[in-house]
C-alpha atoms as a PDB file:
ATOM      1  CA  MET A   1      -0.032   0.014  -0.050  1.00  0.00           C
ATOM      2  CA  PHE A   2       1.286   3.483  -0.821  1.00  0.00           C
ATOM      3  CA  ARG A   3       1.678   5.984   1.912  1.00  0.00           C
ATOM      4  CA  LEU A   4       0.572   9.305   0.468  1.00  0.00           C
ATOM      5  CA  SER A   5       1.397  12.581   2.056  1.00  0.00           C
ATOM      6  CA  ALA A   6      -0.861  15.756   2.033  1.00  0.00           C
ATOM      7  CA  THR A   7       1.352  17.105  -0.700  1.00  0.00           C
ATOM      8  CA  ASP A   8       0.756  14.003  -2.821  1.00  0.00           C
ATOM      9  CA  TYR A   9      -3.004  14.327  -2.471  1.00  0.00           C
ATOM     10  CA  VAL A  10      -3.025  18.072  -3.350  1.00  0.00           C
ATOM     11  CA  LEU A  11      -0.691  17.477  -6.458  1.00  0.00           C
ATOM     12  CA  TRP A  12      -3.130  14.670  -7.575  1.00  0.00           C
ATOM     13  CA  LEU A  13      -6.308  16.576  -6.993  1.00  0.00           C
ATOM     14  CA  LEU A  14      -5.386  20.096  -8.179  1.00  0.00           C
ATOM     15  CA  PRO A  15      -4.498  19.132 -11.822  1.00  0.00           C
ATOM     16  CA  GLN A  16      -7.745  17.110 -12.115  1.00  0.00           C
ATOM     17  CA  LEU A  17      -9.773  20.212 -10.945  1.00  0.00           C
ATOM     18  CA  CYS A  18      -7.910  22.293 -13.454  1.00  0.00           C
ATOM     19  CA  ILE A  19      -8.690  19.932 -16.242  1.00  0.00           C
ATOM     20  CA  CYS A  20     -12.339  19.718 -15.314  1.00  0.00           C
ATOM     21  CA  ILE A  21     -12.423  23.650 -15.528  1.00  0.00           C
ATOM     22  CA  VAL A  22     -10.709  23.570 -18.954  1.00  0.00           C
ATOM     23  CA  VAL A  23     -13.116  21.022 -20.267  1.00  0.00           C
ATOM     24  CA  MET A  24     -16.151  22.936 -18.825  1.00  0.00           C
ATOM     25  CA  ARG A  25     -14.901  26.175 -20.384  1.00  0.00           C
ATOM     26  CA  MET A  26     -14.487  24.572 -23.693  1.00  0.00           C
ATOM     27  CA  MET A  27     -17.927  23.133 -23.690  1.00  0.00           C
ATOM     28  CA  ARG A  28     -19.380  26.410 -22.502  1.00  0.00           C
ATOM     29  CA  ASN A  29     -17.651  28.326 -25.281  1.00  0.00           C
ATOM     30  CA  ASN A  30     -18.523  25.720 -27.946  1.00  0.00           C
ATOM     31  CA  ILE A  31     -14.955  25.159 -28.983  1.00  0.00           C
ATOM     32  CA  VAL A  32     -14.715  21.426 -28.290  1.00  0.00           C
ATOM     33  CA  ARG A  33     -14.768  20.814 -32.148  1.00  0.00           C
ATOM     34  CA  GLU A  34     -11.982  23.339 -32.551  1.00  0.00           C
ATOM     35  CA  PHE A  35      -9.678  21.294 -30.284  1.00  0.00           C
ATOM     36  CA  PRO A  36     -11.096  17.593 -30.632  1.00  0.00           C
ATOM     37  CA  TYR A  37      -7.804  15.853 -29.871  1.00  0.00           C
ATOM     38  CA  PHE A  38      -6.854  18.114 -26.971  1.00  0.00           C
ATOM     39  CA  THR A  39     -10.321  17.546 -25.422  1.00  0.00           C
ATOM     40  CA  ALA A  40      -9.770  13.813 -25.808  1.00  0.00           C
ATOM     41  CA  TYR A  41      -6.451  14.171 -24.099  1.00  0.00           C
ATOM     42  CA  CYS A  42      -8.098  15.992 -21.217  1.00  0.00           C
ATOM     43  CA  LEU A  43     -10.738  13.448 -20.700  1.00  0.00           C
ATOM     44  CA  PHE A  44      -8.067  10.611 -20.873  1.00  0.00           C
ATOM     45  CA  GLU A  45      -6.113  12.370 -18.216  1.00  0.00           C
ATOM     46  CA  LEU A  46      -9.046  12.590 -15.937  1.00  0.00           C
ATOM     47  CA  VAL A  47      -9.814   8.730 -16.372  1.00  0.00           C
ATOM     48  CA  ARG A  48      -6.177   7.953 -16.164  1.00  0.00           C
ATOM     49  CA  SER A  49      -5.560   9.747 -12.851  1.00  0.00           C
ATOM     50  CA  ALA A  50      -8.651   8.398 -11.231  1.00  0.00           C
ATOM     51  CA  ALA A  51      -7.898   4.737 -12.232  1.00  0.00           C
ATOM     52  CA  LEU A  52      -4.310   4.882 -11.168  1.00  0.00           C
ATOM     53  CA  PHE A  53      -5.139   6.479  -7.859  1.00  0.00           C
ATOM     54  CA  ALA A  54      -7.676   3.820  -7.202  1.00  0.00           C
ATOM     55  CA  ILE A  55      -5.285   0.942  -8.100  1.00  0.00           C
ATOM     56  CA  GLY A  56      -2.187   2.350  -6.546  1.00  0.00           C
ATOM     57  CA  VAL A  57      -3.590   2.873  -3.040  1.00  0.00           C
ATOM     58  CA  HIS A  58      -4.191  -0.766  -2.489  1.00  0.00           C
ATOM     59  CA  ARG A  59      -2.357  -2.725  -5.152  1.00  0.00           C
ATOM     60  CA  PRO A  60       1.141  -1.534  -5.834  1.00  0.00           C
ATOM     61  CA  VAL A  61       2.079  -4.430  -8.288  1.00  0.00           C
ATOM     62  CA  ALA A  62      -1.060  -3.849 -10.229  1.00  0.00           C
ATOM     63  CA  TYR A  63      -0.158  -0.250 -10.305  1.00  0.00           C
ATOM     64  CA  PHE A  64       3.171  -1.052 -11.859  1.00  0.00           C
ATOM     65  CA  PHE A  65       1.769  -3.028 -14.762  1.00  0.00           C
ATOM     66  CA  THR A  66      -1.030  -0.479 -15.167  1.00  0.00           C
ATOM     67  CA  TYR A  67       1.022   2.792 -15.020  1.00  0.00           C
ATOM     68  CA  TRP A  68       3.611   2.033 -17.670  1.00  0.00           C
ATOM     69  CA  PRO A  69       1.212   0.904 -20.441  1.00  0.00           C
ATOM     70  CA  ILE A  70      -1.078   3.913 -19.740  1.00  0.00           C
ATOM     71  CA  GLU A  71       2.152   6.155 -19.721  1.00  0.00           C
ATOM     72  CA  VAL A  72       2.981   4.782 -23.218  1.00  0.00           C
ATOM     73  CA  PHE A  73      -0.496   5.657 -24.418  1.00  0.00           C
ATOM     74  CA  ASP A  74      -0.275   9.123 -22.785  1.00  0.00           C
ATOM     75  CA  VAL A  75       2.859   9.852 -24.770  1.00  0.00           C
ATOM     76  CA  MET A  76       1.275   8.702 -28.009  1.00  0.00           C
ATOM     77  CA  LEU A  77      -1.951  10.713 -27.391  1.00  0.00           C
ATOM     78  CA  SER A  78      -0.019  13.974 -26.643  1.00  0.00           C
ATOM     79  CA  ILE A  79       1.980  13.451 -29.810  1.00  0.00           C
ATOM     80  CA  VAL A  80      -1.359  13.261 -31.741  1.00  0.00           C
ATOM     81  CA  VAL A  81      -2.346  16.566 -30.005  1.00  0.00           C
ATOM     82  CA  ILE A  82       0.854  18.164 -31.305  1.00  0.00           C
ATOM     83  CA  ARG A  83       0.356  16.634 -34.694  1.00  0.00           C
ATOM     84  CA  ASP A  84      -3.067  18.179 -34.874  1.00  0.00           C
ATOM     85  CA  ILE A  85      -1.561  21.658 -34.092  1.00  0.00           C
ATOM     86  CA  TYR A  86       0.943  21.179 -36.879  1.00  0.00           C
ATOM     87  CA  TRP A  87      -1.946  20.163 -39.232  1.00  0.00           C
ATOM     88  CA  ARG A  88      -3.953  23.259 -38.235  1.00  0.00           C
ATOM     89  CA  LEU A  89      -0.902  25.502 -38.843  1.00  0.00           C
ATOM     90  CA  PHE A  90      -0.060  24.207 -42.121  1.00  0.00           C
ATOM     91  CA  ARG A  91      -3.253  23.138 -43.590  1.00  0.00           C
ATOM     92  CA  HIS A  92      -3.242  25.748 -46.252  1.00  0.00           C
ATOM     93  CA  TYR A  93       0.164  24.601 -47.433  1.00  0.00           C
ATOM     94  CA  PRO A  94      -0.003  21.068 -48.921  1.00  0.00           C
ATOM     95  CA  ALA A  95       3.835  20.561 -49.484  1.00  0.00           C
ATOM     96  CA  LEU A  96       4.692  21.752 -45.885  1.00  0.00           C
ATOM     97  CA  HIS A  97       1.943  19.609 -44.539  1.00  0.00           C
ATOM     98  CA  THR A  98       3.149  16.467 -46.324  1.00  0.00           C
ATOM     99  CA  PHE A  99       6.671  17.165 -45.141  1.00  0.00           C
ATOM    100  CA  GLY A 100       5.515  17.648 -41.613  1.00  0.00           C
ATOM    101  CA  MET A 101       3.536  14.422 -41.519  1.00  0.00           C
ATOM    102  CA  ALA A 102       6.515  12.604 -42.864  1.00  0.00           C
ATOM    103  CA  ILE A 103       8.640  13.916 -39.974  1.00  0.00           C
ATOM    104  CA  PHE A 104       5.983  12.690 -37.511  1.00  0.00           C
ATOM    105  CA  HIS A 105       6.003   9.178 -39.021  1.00  0.00           C
ATOM    106  CA  TRP A 106       9.754   8.749 -38.968  1.00  0.00           C
ATOM    107  CA  ALA A 107       9.970  10.148 -35.387  1.00  0.00           C
ATOM    108  CA  MET A 108       7.374   7.719 -34.189  1.00  0.00           C
ATOM    109  CA  ALA A 109       9.129   4.741 -35.832  1.00  0.00           C
ATOM    110  CA  LEU A 110      12.379   5.881 -34.272  1.00  0.00           C
ATOM    111  CA  LEU A 111      10.714   6.139 -30.862  1.00  0.00           C
ATOM    112  CA  ILE A 112       9.277   2.648 -30.883  1.00  0.00           C
ATOM    113  CA  LEU A 113      12.649   1.189 -32.307  1.00  0.00           C
ATOM    114  CA  ILE A 114      14.731   2.845 -29.496  1.00  0.00           C
ATOM    115  CA  SER A 115      12.275   1.545 -26.879  1.00  0.00           C
ATOM    116  CA  ALA A 116      12.435  -2.004 -28.356  1.00  0.00           C
ATOM    117  CA  VAL A 117      16.238  -2.087 -28.482  1.00  0.00           C
ATOM    118  CA  THR A 118      16.552  -0.796 -24.955  1.00  0.00           C
ATOM    119  CA  SER A 119      14.173  -3.405 -23.701  1.00  0.00           C
ATOM    120  CA  ALA A 120      16.015  -6.221 -25.466  1.00  0.00           C
ATOM    121  CA  ALA A 121      19.524  -4.950 -24.207  1.00  0.00           C
ATOM    122  CA  THR A 122      18.418  -4.603 -20.597  1.00  0.00           C
ATOM    123  CA  THR A 123      19.401  -7.476 -18.372  1.00  0.00           C
ATOM    124  CA  GLY A 124      17.849  -8.379 -15.020  1.00  0.00           C
ATOM    125  CA  LYS A 125      14.421  -9.023 -13.850  1.00  0.00           C
ATOM    126  CA  GLU A 126      11.257  -8.558 -15.930  1.00  0.00           C
ATOM    127  CA  PHE A 127      10.372  -5.570 -13.812  1.00  0.00           C
ATOM    128  CA  ASP A 128      13.722  -3.988 -14.643  1.00  0.00           C
ATOM    129  CA  GLN A 129      13.411  -4.718 -18.408  1.00  0.00           C
ATOM    130  CA  ILE A 130       9.922  -3.202 -18.565  1.00  0.00           C
ATOM    131  CA  SER A 131      10.844  -0.240 -16.554  1.00  0.00           C
ATOM    132  CA  ALA A 132      13.975   0.561 -18.580  1.00  0.00           C
ATOM    133  CA  ALA A 133      12.154   0.230 -21.858  1.00  0.00           C
ATOM    134  CA  VAL A 134       9.265   2.448 -20.834  1.00  0.00           C
ATOM    135  CA  VAL A 135      11.497   5.044 -19.076  1.00  0.00           C
ATOM    136  CA  ILE A 136      13.627   5.322 -22.288  1.00  0.00           C
ATOM    137  CA  PHE A 137      10.397   5.493 -24.351  1.00  0.00           C
ATOM    138  CA  ASP A 138       9.103   8.228 -21.945  1.00  0.00           C
ATOM    139  CA  GLN A 139      12.352  10.156 -22.223  1.00  0.00           C
ATOM    140  CA  VAL A 140      12.656   9.873 -26.030  1.00  0.00           C
ATOM    141  CA  GLY A 141       9.090  10.911 -26.125  1.00  0.00           C
ATOM    142  CA  SER A 142       9.718  13.954 -24.013  1.00  0.00           C
ATOM    143  CA  ILE A 143      12.611  14.943 -26.458  1.00  0.00           C
ATOM    144  CA  LEU A 144      10.501  14.281 -29.448  1.00  0.00           C
ATOM    145  CA  ARG A 145       7.533  16.390 -28.175  1.00  0.00           C
ATOM    146  CA  GLY A 146       9.840  19.054 -26.938  1.00  0.00           C
ATOM    147  CA  GLY A 147      11.597  19.223 -30.225  1.00  0.00           C
ATOM    148  CA  LEU A 148       8.482  19.304 -32.239  1.00  0.00           C
ATOM    149  CA  LEU A 149       7.100  22.248 -30.200  1.00  0.00           C
ATOM    150  CA  LEU A 150      10.320  24.079 -30.357  1.00  0.00           C
ATOM    151  CA  LEU A 151      10.438  23.668 -34.015  1.00  0.00           C
ATOM    152  CA  LEU A 152       6.841  24.884 -34.289  1.00  0.00           C
ATOM    153  CA  LEU A 153       7.699  27.972 -32.225  1.00  0.00           C
ATOM    154  CA  CYS A 154      10.763  28.722 -34.217  1.00  0.00           C
ATOM    155  CA  ILE A 155       8.782  28.478 -37.602  1.00  0.00           C
ATOM    156  CA  THR A 156       6.071  30.781 -36.312  1.00  0.00           C
ATOM    157  CA  MET A 157       8.725  33.314 -35.070  1.00  0.00           C
ATOM    158  CA  PHE A 158      10.659  33.125 -38.277  1.00  0.00           C
ATOM    159  CA  PHE A 159       7.557  33.867 -40.443  1.00  0.00           C
ATOM    160  CA  ARG A 160       6.164  36.205 -37.930  1.00  0.00           C
ATOM    161  CA  MET A 161       2.956  34.286 -37.806  1.00  0.00           C
ATOM    162  CA  ARG A 162       0.312  35.433 -35.304  1.00  0.00           C
ATOM    163  CA  TRP A 163      -1.150  32.795 -33.013  1.00  0.00           C
ATOM    164  CA  ASN A 164      -4.542  31.849 -32.019  1.00  0.00           C
ATOM    165  CA  TYR A 165      -3.953  32.482 -28.266  1.00  0.00           C
ATOM    166  CA  ARG A 166      -5.768  29.249 -27.186  1.00  0.00           C
ATOM    167  CA  THR A 167      -3.584  27.179 -29.404  1.00  0.00           C
ATOM    168  CA  LEU A 168      -0.517  29.112 -28.002  1.00  0.00           C
ATOM    169  CA  GLY A 169      -1.659  28.417 -24.544  1.00  0.00           C
ATOM    170  CA  VAL A 170      -1.925  24.616 -25.216  1.00  0.00           C
ATOM    171  CA  VAL A 171       1.662  24.782 -26.685  1.00  0.00           C
ATOM    172  CA  VAL A 172       3.064  26.729 -23.790  1.00  0.00           C
ATOM    173  CA  GLY A 173       1.462  24.421 -21.236  1.00  0.00           C
ATOM    174  CA  PHE A 174       2.813  21.408 -22.916  1.00  0.00           C
ATOM    175  CA  SER A 175       6.225  22.882 -23.297  1.00  0.00           C
ATOM    176  CA  LEU A 176       6.408  23.670 -19.613  1.00  0.00           C
ATOM    177  CA  TYR A 177       5.380  20.170 -18.507  1.00  0.00           C
ATOM    178  CA  LEU A 178       7.860  18.555 -21.036  1.00  0.00           C
ATOM    179  CA  PHE A 179      10.793  20.598 -19.589  1.00  0.00           C
ATOM    180  CA  VAL A 180       9.987  19.440 -16.121  1.00  0.00           C
ATOM    181  CA  ASP A 181       9.237  15.880 -17.318  1.00  0.00           C
ATOM    182  CA  PHE A 182      12.585  15.492 -19.098  1.00  0.00           C
ATOM    183  CA  ALA A 183      14.409  16.664 -15.888  1.00  0.00           C
ATOM    184  CA  ALA A 184      12.419  14.172 -13.850  1.00  0.00           C
ATOM    185  CA  ILE A 185      13.158  11.318 -16.169  1.00  0.00           C
ATOM    186  CA  ALA A 186      16.862  12.171 -16.218  1.00  0.00           C
ATOM    187  CA  MET A 187      16.874  12.062 -12.552  1.00  0.00           C
ATOM    188  CA  ARG A 188      14.985   8.843 -12.386  1.00  0.00           C
ATOM    189  CA  ARG A 189      17.517   7.220 -14.762  1.00  0.00           C
ATOM    190  CA  SER A 190      20.522   8.377 -12.837  1.00  0.00           C
ATOM    191  CA  VAL A 191      19.171   7.637  -9.274  1.00  0.00           C
ATOM    192  CA  GLY A 192      17.228   4.396 -10.168  1.00  0.00           C
ATOM    193  CA  PRO A 193      14.248   3.086  -8.293  1.00  0.00           C
ATOM    194  CA  ALA A 194      15.366   4.983  -5.113  1.00  0.00           C
ATOM    195  CA  GLY A 195      14.266   8.166  -6.802  1.00  0.00           C
ATOM    196  CA  ALA A 196      10.805   6.999  -7.745  1.00  0.00           C
ATOM    197  CA  HIS A 197       8.933   9.171  -5.288  1.00  0.00           C
ATOM    198  CA  ALA A 198      10.978  12.362  -6.288  1.00  0.00           C
ATOM    199  CA  PHE A 199      10.293  11.437  -9.984  1.00  0.00           C
ATOM    200  CA  SER A 200       6.601  11.274  -9.376  1.00  0.00           C
ATOM    201  CA  LEU A 201       6.688  14.475  -7.328  1.00  0.00           C
ATOM    202  CA  LEU A 202       8.508  16.420 -10.021  1.00  0.00           C
ATOM    203  CA  LYS A 203       6.158  15.153 -12.842  1.00  0.00           C
ATOM    204  CA  ASN A 204       3.102  16.111 -10.712  1.00  0.00           C
ATOM    205  CA  ILE A 205       4.526  19.598 -10.071  1.00  0.00           C
ATOM    206  CA  GLY A 206       5.160  20.145 -13.841  1.00  0.00           C
ATOM    207  CA  TYR A 207       1.717  18.711 -14.824  1.00  0.00           C
ATOM    208  CA  THR A 208       0.052  21.048 -12.157  1.00  0.00           C
ATOM    209  CA  CYS A 209       1.772  24.080 -13.700  1.00  0.00           C
ATOM    210  CA  CYS A 210       0.860  22.966 -17.183  1.00  0.00           C
ATOM    211  CA  CYS A 211      -2.742  22.608 -16.149  1.00  0.00           C
ATOM    212  CA  GLY A 212      -2.801  25.996 -14.555  1.00  0.00           C
ATOM    213  CA  VAL A 213      -1.631  27.564 -17.832  1.00  0.00           C
ATOM    214  CA  TRP A 214      -4.521  25.827 -19.600  1.00  0.00           C
ATOM    215  CA  VAL A 215      -7.018  27.114 -17.169  1.00  0.00           C
ATOM    216  CA  TRP A 216      -5.720  30.660 -17.486  1.00  0.00           C
ATOM    217  CA  THR A 217      -5.791  30.394 -21.288  1.00  0.00           C
ATOM    218  CA  PHE A 218      -9.311  28.929 -21.662  1.00  0.00           C
ATOM    219  CA  SER A 219     -10.766  31.194 -19.029  1.00  0.00           C
ATOM    220  CA  ARG A 220     -10.009  34.358 -21.011  1.00  0.00           C
ATOM    221  CA  HIS A 221     -12.418  36.204 -23.026  1.00  0.00           C
ATOM    222  CA  ARG A 222     -11.026  37.730 -26.202  1.00  0.00           C
ATOM    223  CA  SER A 223     -12.614  38.165 -29.679  1.00  0.00           C
ATOM    224  CA  GLU A 224      -9.625  36.743 -31.467  1.00  0.00           C
ATOM    225  CA  ALA A 225     -10.288  33.397 -29.916  1.00  0.00           C
ATOM    226  CA  THR A 226     -12.308  32.388 -32.975  1.00  0.00           C
ATOM    227  CA  ASP A 227      -9.826  33.782 -35.490  1.00  0.00           C
ATOM    228  CA  PRO A 228      -7.920  31.449 -37.720  1.00  0.00           C
ATOM    229  CA  PHE A 229      -4.255  31.625 -38.198  1.00  0.00           C
ATOM    230  CA  PRO A 230      -3.711  34.797 -40.157  1.00  0.00           C
ATOM    231  CA  TYR A 231      -0.853  33.942 -42.601  1.00  0.00           C
ATOM    232  CA  SER A 232       0.734  37.292 -43.614  1.00  0.00           C
ATOM    233  CA  ALA A 233       4.248  36.245 -44.564  1.00  0.00           C
ATOM    234  CA  SER A 234       4.696  35.623 -48.173  1.00  0.00           C
ATOM    235  CA  GLU A 235       7.941  33.717 -47.529  1.00  0.00           C
ATOM    236  CA  LEU A 236       5.855  30.760 -46.324  1.00  0.00           C
ATOM    237  CA  ASP A 237       4.013  30.554 -49.649  1.00  0.00           C
ATOM    238  CA  SER A 238       7.524  30.702 -51.435  1.00  0.00           C
ATOM    239  CA  TRP A 239       8.800  27.754 -49.239  1.00  0.00           C
ATOM    240  CA  ASN A 240       5.659  25.777 -49.874  1.00  0.00           C
ATOM    241  CA  SER A 241       6.033  26.315 -53.721  1.00  0.00           C
ATOM    242  CA  THR A 242       9.699  25.321 -53.552  1.00  0.00           C
ATOM    243  CA  LEU A 243       9.039  22.269 -51.620  1.00  0.00           C
ATOM    244  CA  GLN A 244       6.124  21.415 -53.896  1.00  0.00           C
ATOM    245  CA  SER A 245       8.398  21.507 -56.952  1.00  0.00           C
ATOM    246  CA  MET A 246      11.084  19.357 -55.170  1.00  0.00           C
ATOM    247  CA  VAL A 247       8.768  16.486 -54.404  1.00  0.00           C
ATOM    248  CA  ARG A 248       7.071  16.324 -57.883  1.00  0.00           C
END
């Protein structure tokens, strides 16, 4: 049985309250269809946290075998959310859209390959092999997601593209969480199982901050919330035309 402190309970409950507020605000403002994958991600996080809490309090072994598969699915679903942001950003530019989707497919294949190789190369008990593989998967997933978000921010800054502030809030929240998550995973790999509680604590703090950003973003009232991405930089059209001619 896990012994949870008052801090553990607060860091578990606060993000769930934040996500509930975000979902309620999205439903009230009728923007669920605007962010379908992000909405699905939020609902999944609510179910995930409730299930893991119910299992972990009384069944630590069952928690182990439940947490890691769910963590893998969480990484995959968050990548889908980022992919949707890329699609929304480049939907008017077919060549750049095709190029971006190719990057996603290769990145996903690399992520799965690295995790599989790590699992096969790890010696020891089955627990150690599973943990090593999923921790590596989580770390590579954090690098991949963080890199994709950084690339997205660099592209928008380079072409001076104006953001939909809600989309920007989603990106900033994810970026903040991934930064803390990467630091927590690096600590977990260096310290080992002894750092499990600190690892969980750091991830929960990062996730709480991330959800706080989302609450602030979706609680604002601005007329530009329904505006599409206004593409004003002609250079982006030029790049798209050049890439289109290269792939023909």
